Structure formats: C-alpha cells, structure tokens
Amino acid sequence: AIGGHWGMSGELGKMAVDNKIEAYNLPQGVI
C-alpha cells in the first residue's frame, strides 16, 4: 500500500504495522 492518510482504515494500518504488507506513507498532497 502506498498512501498519504492511513487513519480511516484501521485494518489496513494494522497490516502495515504488523509487517504483513509493504507499506509507504507519503505526503497526501504528493500522492
């Protein structure tokens, strides 16, 4: 997942934090 604001999808954030997916957090405007 490549995203800016992760806060509205708790399960997606959990997958990232739990190292289950590759995950990037980039500035929302940049995205």
PDB file of all heavy atoms in Angstrom:
ATOM      1  N   ALA A   1       0.863  -1.184   0.000  1.00  0.00           N
ATOM      2  CA  ALA A   1       0.000   0.000   0.000  1.00  0.00           C
ATOM      3  C   ALA A   1       0.896   1.229   0.000  1.00  0.00           C
ATOM      4  O   ALA A   1       1.890   1.289   0.724  1.00  0.00           O
ATOM      5  CB  ALA A   1      -0.929   0.008   1.210  1.00  0.00           C
ATOM      6  N   ILE A   2       0.521   2.188  -0.844  1.00  0.00           N
ATOM      7  CA  ILE A   2       1.245   3.459  -0.939  1.00  0.00           C
ATOM      8  C   ILE A   2       0.208   4.537  -0.701  1.00  0.00           C
ATOM      9  O   ILE A   2      -0.704   4.712  -1.511  1.00  0.00           O
ATOM     10  CB  ILE A   2       1.877   3.635  -2.334  1.00  0.00           C
ATOM     11  CG1 ILE A   2       2.775   2.455  -2.680  1.00  0.00           C
ATOM     12  CG2 ILE A   2       2.639   4.961  -2.407  1.00  0.00           C
ATOM     13  CD1 ILE A   2       3.149   2.383  -4.157  1.00  0.00           C
ATOM     14  N   GLY A   3       0.316   5.214   0.432  1.00  0.00           N
ATOM     15  CA  GLY A   3      -0.733   6.161   0.752  1.00  0.00           C
ATOM     16  C   GLY A   3      -0.283   7.358   1.557  1.00  0.00           C
ATOM     17  O   GLY A   3       0.849   7.415   2.045  1.00  0.00           O
ATOM     18  N   GLY A   4      -1.204   8.285   1.668  1.00  0.00           N
ATOM     19  CA  GLY A   4      -0.963   9.515   2.405  1.00  0.00           C
ATOM     20  C   GLY A   4      -1.534   9.460   3.811  1.00  0.00           C
ATOM     21  O   GLY A   4      -0.812   9.355   4.784  1.00  0.00           O
ATOM     22  N   HIS A   5      -2.847   9.478   3.935  1.00  0.00           N
ATOM     23  CA  HIS A   5      -3.515   9.460   5.232  1.00  0.00           C
ATOM     24  C   HIS A   5      -4.083   8.061   5.442  1.00  0.00           C
ATOM     25  O   HIS A   5      -4.945   7.615   4.699  1.00  0.00           O
ATOM     26  CB  HIS A   5      -4.633  10.505   5.243  1.00  0.00           C
ATOM     27  CG  HIS A   5      -5.315  10.619   6.563  1.00  0.00           C
ATOM     28  ND1 HIS A   5      -6.065   9.601   7.097  1.00  0.00           N
ATOM     29  CD2 HIS A   5      -5.373  11.632   7.450  1.00  0.00           C
ATOM     30  CE1 HIS A   5      -6.556   9.982   8.264  1.00  0.00           C
ATOM     31  NE2 HIS A   5      -6.150  11.208   8.493  1.00  0.00           N
ATOM     32  N   TRP A   6      -3.605   7.380   6.470  1.00  0.00           N
ATOM     33  CA  TRP A   6      -3.968   5.991   6.728  1.00  0.00           C
ATOM     34  C   TRP A   6      -5.055   5.853   7.789  1.00  0.00           C
ATOM     35  O   TRP A   6      -5.542   4.762   8.048  1.00  0.00           O
ATOM     36  CB  TRP A   6      -2.740   5.218   7.210  1.00  0.00           C
ATOM     37  CG  TRP A   6      -1.725   4.946   6.162  1.00  0.00           C
ATOM     38  CD1 TRP A   6      -0.925   5.845   5.522  1.00  0.00           C
ATOM     39  CD2 TRP A   6      -1.390   3.678   5.624  1.00  0.00           C
ATOM     40  NE1 TRP A   6      -0.113   5.213   4.624  1.00  0.00           N
ATOM     41  CE2 TRP A   6      -0.372   3.880   4.673  1.00  0.00           C
ATOM     42  CE3 TRP A   6      -1.832   2.391   5.860  1.00  0.00           C
ATOM     43  CZ2 TRP A   6       0.194   2.835   3.954  1.00  0.00           C
ATOM     44  CZ3 TRP A   6      -1.267   1.352   5.155  1.00  0.00           C
ATOM     45  CH2 TRP A   6      -0.257   1.572   4.204  1.00  0.00           C
ATOM     46  N   GLY A   7      -5.470   6.934   8.421  1.00  0.00           N
ATOM     47  CA  GLY A   7      -6.267   6.875   9.641  1.00  0.00           C
ATOM     48  C   GLY A   7      -7.662   6.313   9.536  1.00  0.00           C
ATOM     49  O   GLY A   7      -8.215   5.865  10.532  1.00  0.00           O
ATOM     50  N   MET A   8      -8.277   6.297   8.357  1.00  0.00           N
ATOM     51  CA  MET A   8      -9.674   5.858   8.255  1.00  0.00           C
ATOM     52  C   MET A   8      -9.826   4.356   8.042  1.00  0.00           C
ATOM     53  O   MET A   8     -10.926   3.839   8.094  1.00  0.00           O
ATOM     54  CB  MET A   8     -10.386   6.625   7.141  1.00  0.00           C
ATOM     55  CG  MET A   8     -10.433   8.130   7.361  1.00  0.00           C
ATOM     56  SD  MET A   8     -11.134   8.605   8.945  1.00  0.00           S
ATOM     57  CE  MET A   8     -12.840   8.198   8.674  1.00  0.00           C
ATOM     58  N   SER A   9      -8.750   3.658   7.789  1.00  0.00           N
ATOM     59  CA  SER A   9      -8.806   2.213   7.580  1.00  0.00           C
ATOM     60  C   SER A   9      -7.905   1.528   8.601  1.00  0.00           C
ATOM     61  O   SER A   9      -6.716   1.311   8.366  1.00  0.00           O
ATOM     62  CB  SER A   9      -8.363   1.859   6.160  1.00  0.00           C
ATOM     63  OG  SER A   9      -8.395   0.456   5.982  1.00  0.00           O
ATOM     64  N   GLY A  10      -8.501   1.176   9.722  1.00  0.00           N
ATOM     65  CA  GLY A  10      -7.731   0.570  10.807  1.00  0.00           C
ATOM     66  C   GLY A  10      -7.087  -0.749  10.440  1.00  0.00           C
ATOM     67  O   GLY A  10      -5.941  -1.022  10.819  1.00  0.00           O
ATOM     68  N   GLU A  11      -7.794  -1.592   9.696  1.00  0.00           N
ATOM     69  CA  GLU A  11      -7.244  -2.899   9.312  1.00  0.00           C
ATOM     70  C   GLU A  11      -6.061  -2.750   8.368  1.00  0.00           C
ATOM     71  O   GLU A  11      -5.094  -3.502   8.454  1.00  0.00           O
ATOM     72  CB  GLU A  11      -8.320  -3.782   8.691  1.00  0.00           C
ATOM     73  CG  GLU A  11      -9.343  -4.277   9.691  1.00  0.00           C
ATOM     74  CD  GLU A  11      -8.715  -5.085  10.826  1.00  0.00           C
ATOM     75  OE1 GLU A  11      -7.893  -5.983  10.549  1.00  0.00           O
ATOM     76  OE2 GLU A  11      -9.036  -4.813  11.986  1.00  0.00           O
ATOM     77  N   LEU A  12      -6.130  -1.785   7.459  1.00  0.00           N
ATOM     78  CA  LEU A  12      -5.014  -1.556   6.538  1.00  0.00           C
ATOM     79  C   LEU A  12      -3.784  -1.108   7.320  1.00  0.00           C
ATOM     80  O   LEU A  12      -2.678  -1.604   7.101  1.00  0.00           O
ATOM     81  CB  LEU A  12      -5.395  -0.522   5.477  1.00  0.00           C
ATOM     82  CG  LEU A  12      -4.361  -0.251   4.397  1.00  0.00           C
ATOM     83  CD1 LEU A  12      -4.073  -1.509   3.576  1.00  0.00           C
ATOM     84  CD2 LEU A  12      -4.835   0.874   3.490  1.00  0.00           C
ATOM     85  N   GLY A  13      -3.974  -0.183   8.235  1.00  0.00           N
ATOM     86  CA  GLY A  13      -2.866   0.265   9.073  1.00  0.00           C
ATOM     87  C   GLY A  13      -2.285  -0.861   9.905  1.00  0.00           C
ATOM     88  O   GLY A  13      -1.067  -0.962  10.074  1.00  0.00           O
ATOM     89  N   LYS A  14      -3.147  -1.726  10.415  1.00  0.00           N
ATOM     90  CA  LYS A  14      -2.684  -2.865  11.208  1.00  0.00           C
ATOM     91  C   LYS A  14      -1.842  -3.810  10.354  1.00  0.00           C
ATOM     92  O   LYS A  14      -0.805  -4.293  10.811  1.00  0.00           O
ATOM     93  CB  LYS A  14      -3.884  -3.595  11.809  1.00  0.00           C
ATOM     94  CG  LYS A  14      -3.528  -4.709  12.763  1.00  0.00           C
ATOM     95  CD  LYS A  14      -4.772  -5.226  13.462  1.00  0.00           C
ATOM     96  CE  LYS A  14      -4.564  -6.393  14.369  1.00  0.00           C
ATOM     97  NZ  LYS A  14      -3.293  -6.933  14.586  1.00  0.00           N
ATOM     98  N   MET A  15      -2.258  -4.046   9.107  1.00  0.00           N
ATOM     99  CA  MET A  15      -1.464  -4.910   8.223  1.00  0.00           C
ATOM    100  C   MET A  15      -0.075  -4.316   8.000  1.00  0.00           C
ATOM    101  O   MET A  15       0.919  -5.039   7.951  1.00  0.00           O
ATOM    102  CB  MET A  15      -2.163  -5.110   6.883  1.00  0.00           C
ATOM    103  CG  MET A  15      -3.357  -6.025   6.947  1.00  0.00           C
ATOM    104  SD  MET A  15      -4.096  -6.302   5.321  1.00  0.00           S
ATOM    105  CE  MET A  15      -3.043  -7.636   4.717  1.00  0.00           C
ATOM    106  N   ALA A  16      -0.011  -2.996   7.876  1.00  0.00           N
ATOM    107  CA  ALA A  16       1.280  -2.331   7.670  1.00  0.00           C
ATOM    108  C   ALA A  16       2.150  -2.440   8.915  1.00  0.00           C
ATOM    109  O   ALA A  16       3.317  -2.837   8.843  1.00  0.00           O
ATOM    110  CB  ALA A  16       1.057  -0.869   7.295  1.00  0.00           C
ATOM    111  N   VAL A  17       1.592  -2.110  10.051  1.00  0.00           N
ATOM    112  CA  VAL A  17       2.350  -2.137  11.310  1.00  0.00           C
ATOM    113  C   VAL A  17       2.775  -3.557  11.662  1.00  0.00           C
ATOM    114  O   VAL A  17       3.868  -3.772  12.195  1.00  0.00           O
ATOM    115  CB  VAL A  17       1.523  -1.498  12.451  1.00  0.00           C
ATOM    116  CG1 VAL A  17       2.171  -1.710  13.798  1.00  0.00           C
ATOM    117  CG2 VAL A  17       1.346  -0.006  12.185  1.00  0.00           C
ATOM    118  N   ASP A  18       1.936  -4.536  11.333  1.00  0.00           N
ATOM    119  CA  ASP A  18       2.255  -5.941  11.617  1.00  0.00           C
ATOM    120  C   ASP A  18       3.167  -6.570  10.577  1.00  0.00           C
ATOM    121  O   ASP A  18       3.407  -7.778  10.606  1.00  0.00           O
ATOM    122  CB  ASP A  18       0.974  -6.772  11.736  1.00  0.00           C
ATOM    123  CG  ASP A  18       0.174  -6.443  12.986  1.00  0.00           C
ATOM    124  OD1 ASP A  18       0.707  -5.756  13.882  1.00  0.00           O
ATOM    125  OD2 ASP A  18      -0.995  -6.877  13.058  1.00  0.00           O
ATOM    126  N   ASN A  19       3.665  -5.759   9.629  1.00  0.00           N
ATOM    127  CA  ASN A  19       4.643  -6.230   8.644  1.00  0.00           C
ATOM    128  C   ASN A  19       4.063  -7.281   7.701  1.00  0.00           C
ATOM    129  O   ASN A  19       4.778  -8.131   7.177  1.00  0.00           O
ATOM    130  CB  ASN A  19       5.876  -6.793   9.363  1.00  0.00           C
ATOM    131  CG  ASN A  19       7.162  -6.368   8.702  1.00  0.00           C
ATOM    132  OD1 ASN A  19       7.246  -5.334   8.055  1.00  0.00           O
ATOM    133  ND2 ASN A  19       8.184  -7.169   8.873  1.00  0.00           N
ATOM    134  N   LYS A  20       2.746  -7.225   7.448  1.00  0.00           N
ATOM    135  CA  LYS A  20       2.098  -8.203   6.564  1.00  0.00           C
ATOM    136  C   LYS A  20       2.077  -7.738   5.113  1.00  0.00           C
ATOM    137  O   LYS A  20       1.864  -8.549   4.215  1.00  0.00           O
ATOM    138  CB  LYS A  20       0.681  -8.488   7.050  1.00  0.00           C
ATOM    139  CG  LYS A  20       0.688  -9.210   8.383  1.00  0.00           C
ATOM    140  CD  LYS A  20      -0.678  -9.616   8.809  1.00  0.00           C
ATOM    141  CE  LYS A  20      -0.553 -10.391  10.116  1.00  0.00           C
ATOM    142  NZ  LYS A  20      -1.816 -10.887  10.588  1.00  0.00           N
ATOM    143  N   ILE A  21       2.281  -6.442   4.880  1.00  0.00           N
ATOM    144  CA  ILE A  21       2.344  -5.885   3.533  1.00  0.00           C
ATOM    145  C   ILE A  21       3.485  -4.880   3.480  1.00  0.00           C
ATOM    146  O   ILE A  21       3.908  -4.365   4.514  1.00  0.00           O
ATOM    147  CB  ILE A  21       1.022  -5.177   3.121  1.00  0.00           C
ATOM    148  CG1 ILE A  21       0.706  -4.021   4.083  1.00  0.00           C
ATOM    149  CG2 ILE A  21      -0.118  -6.169   2.997  1.00  0.00           C
ATOM    150  CD1 ILE A  21      -0.465  -3.150   3.660  1.00  0.00           C
ATOM    151  N   GLU A  22       3.991  -4.614   2.294  1.00  0.00           N
ATOM    152  CA  GLU A  22       4.896  -3.488   2.109  1.00  0.00           C
ATOM    153  C   GLU A  22       4.045  -2.232   2.240  1.00  0.00           C
ATOM    154  O   GLU A  22       2.913  -2.196   1.743  1.00  0.00           O
ATOM    155  CB  GLU A  22       5.531  -3.533   0.732  1.00  0.00           C
ATOM    156  CG  GLU A  22       6.418  -4.728   0.489  1.00  0.00           C
ATOM    157  CD  GLU A  22       6.863  -4.805  -0.962  1.00  0.00           C
ATOM    158  OE1 GLU A  22       7.008  -3.744  -1.611  1.00  0.00           O
ATOM    159  OE2 GLU A  22       7.041  -5.928  -1.443  1.00  0.00           O
ATOM    160  N   ALA A  23       4.573  -1.211   2.893  1.00  0.00           N
ATOM    161  CA  ALA A  23       3.745  -0.040   3.149  1.00  0.00           C
ATOM    162  C   ALA A  23       4.577   1.235   3.144  1.00  0.00           C
ATOM    163  O   ALA A  23       5.643   1.294   3.755  1.00  0.00           O
ATOM    164  CB  ALA A  23       3.025  -0.195   4.482  1.00  0.00           C
ATOM    165  N   TYR A  24       4.051   2.241   2.450  1.00  0.00           N
ATOM    166  CA  TYR A  24       4.682   3.552   2.360  1.00  0.00           C
ATOM    167  C   TYR A  24       3.689   4.610   2.823  1.00  0.00           C
ATOM    168  O   TYR A  24       2.510   4.557   2.468  1.00  0.00           O
ATOM    169  CB  TYR A  24       5.067   3.883   0.912  1.00  0.00           C
ATOM    170  CG  TYR A  24       6.034   2.915   0.293  1.00  0.00           C
ATOM    171  CD1 TYR A  24       5.582   1.762  -0.325  1.00  0.00           C
ATOM    172  CD2 TYR A  24       7.406   3.154   0.323  1.00  0.00           C
ATOM    173  CE1 TYR A  24       6.462   0.862  -0.902  1.00  0.00           C
ATOM    174  CE2 TYR A  24       8.292   2.263  -0.255  1.00  0.00           C
ATOM    175  CZ  TYR A  24       7.813   1.117  -0.863  1.00  0.00           C
ATOM    176  OH  TYR A  24       8.696   0.226  -1.440  1.00  0.00           O
ATOM    177  N   ASN A  25       4.177   5.552   3.600  1.00  0.00           N
ATOM    178  CA  ASN A  25       3.385   6.706   3.990  1.00  0.00           C
ATOM    179  C   ASN A  25       4.074   7.935   3.404  1.00  0.00           C
ATOM    180  O   ASN A  25       5.167   8.303   3.829  1.00  0.00           O
ATOM    181  CB  ASN A  25       3.292   6.814   5.514  1.00  0.00           C
ATOM    182  CG  ASN A  25       2.355   7.903   5.959  1.00  0.00           C
ATOM    183  OD1 ASN A  25       1.512   8.366   5.203  1.00  0.00           O
ATOM    184  ND2 ASN A  25       2.494   8.317   7.198  1.00  0.00           N
ATOM    185  N   LEU A  26       3.435   8.526   2.400  1.00  0.00           N
ATOM    186  CA  LEU A  26       3.972   9.700   1.722  1.00  0.00           C
ATOM    187  C   LEU A  26       3.024  10.872   1.944  1.00  0.00           C
ATOM    188  O   LEU A  26       1.851  10.665   2.261  1.00  0.00           O
ATOM    189  CB  LEU A  26       4.136   9.411   0.220  1.00  0.00           C
ATOM    190  CG  LEU A  26       5.000   8.198  -0.144  1.00  0.00           C
ATOM    191  CD1 LEU A  26       5.036   8.002  -1.650  1.00  0.00           C
ATOM    192  CD2 LEU A  26       6.393   8.316   0.429  1.00  0.00           C
ATOM    193  N   PRO A  27       3.487  12.098   1.783  1.00  0.00           N
ATOM    194  CA  PRO A  27       2.598  13.242   1.996  1.00  0.00           C
ATOM    195  C   PRO A  27       1.355  13.168   1.100  1.00  0.00           C
ATOM    196  O   PRO A  27       1.442  12.838  -0.085  1.00  0.00           O
ATOM    197  CB  PRO A  27       3.467  14.445   1.634  1.00  0.00           C
ATOM    198  CG  PRO A  27       4.867  13.977   1.864  1.00  0.00           C
ATOM    199  CD  PRO A  27       4.860  12.528   1.478  1.00  0.00           C
ATOM    200  N   GLN A  28       0.220  13.475   1.694  1.00  0.00           N
ATOM    201  CA  GLN A  28      -1.056  13.385   0.992  1.00  0.00           C
ATOM    202  C   GLN A  28      -1.063  14.207  -0.295  1.00  0.00           C
ATOM    203  O   GLN A  28      -1.525  13.746  -1.335  1.00  0.00           O
ATOM    204  CB  GLN A  28      -2.148  13.875   1.940  1.00  0.00           C
ATOM    205  CG  GLN A  28      -3.516  13.453   1.594  1.00  0.00           C
ATOM    206  CD  GLN A  28      -4.498  13.811   2.710  1.00  0.00           C
ATOM    207  OE1 GLN A  28      -4.123  14.103   3.842  1.00  0.00           O
ATOM    208  NE2 GLN A  28      -5.753  13.787   2.371  1.00  0.00           N
ATOM    209  N   GLY A  29      -0.554  15.418  -0.248  1.00  0.00           N
ATOM    210  CA  GLY A  29      -0.506  16.262  -1.437  1.00  0.00           C
ATOM    211  C   GLY A  29       0.423  15.715  -2.501  1.00  0.00           C
ATOM    212  O   GLY A  29       0.163  15.852  -3.701  1.00  0.00           O
ATOM    213  N   VAL A  30       1.503  15.091  -2.085  1.00  0.00           N
ATOM    214  CA  VAL A  30       2.430  14.466  -3.025  1.00  0.00           C
ATOM    215  C   VAL A  30       1.720  13.321  -3.749  1.00  0.00           C
ATOM    216  O   VAL A  30       1.830  13.183  -4.970  1.00  0.00           O
ATOM    217  CB  VAL A  30       3.708  13.970  -2.312  1.00  0.00           C
ATOM    218  CG1 VAL A  30       4.508  13.017  -3.190  1.00  0.00           C
ATOM    219  CG2 VAL A  30       4.567  15.158  -1.893  1.00  0.00           C
ATOM    220  N   ILE A  31       0.970  12.515  -3.006  1.00  0.00           N
ATOM    221  CA  ILE A  31       0.233  11.405  -3.625  1.00  0.00           C
ATOM    222  C   ILE A  31      -0.753  11.951  -4.664  1.00  0.00           C
ATOM    223  O   ILE A  31      -0.829  11.444  -5.790  1.00  0.00           O
ATOM    224  CB  ILE A  31      -0.539  10.594  -2.566  1.00  0.00           C
ATOM    225  CG1 ILE A  31       0.421   9.922  -1.601  1.00  0.00           C
ATOM    226  CG2 ILE A  31      -1.484   9.592  -3.221  1.00  0.00           C
ATOM    227  CD1 ILE A  31       1.015   8.630  -2.062  1.00  0.00           C
TER     228      ILE A  31
END
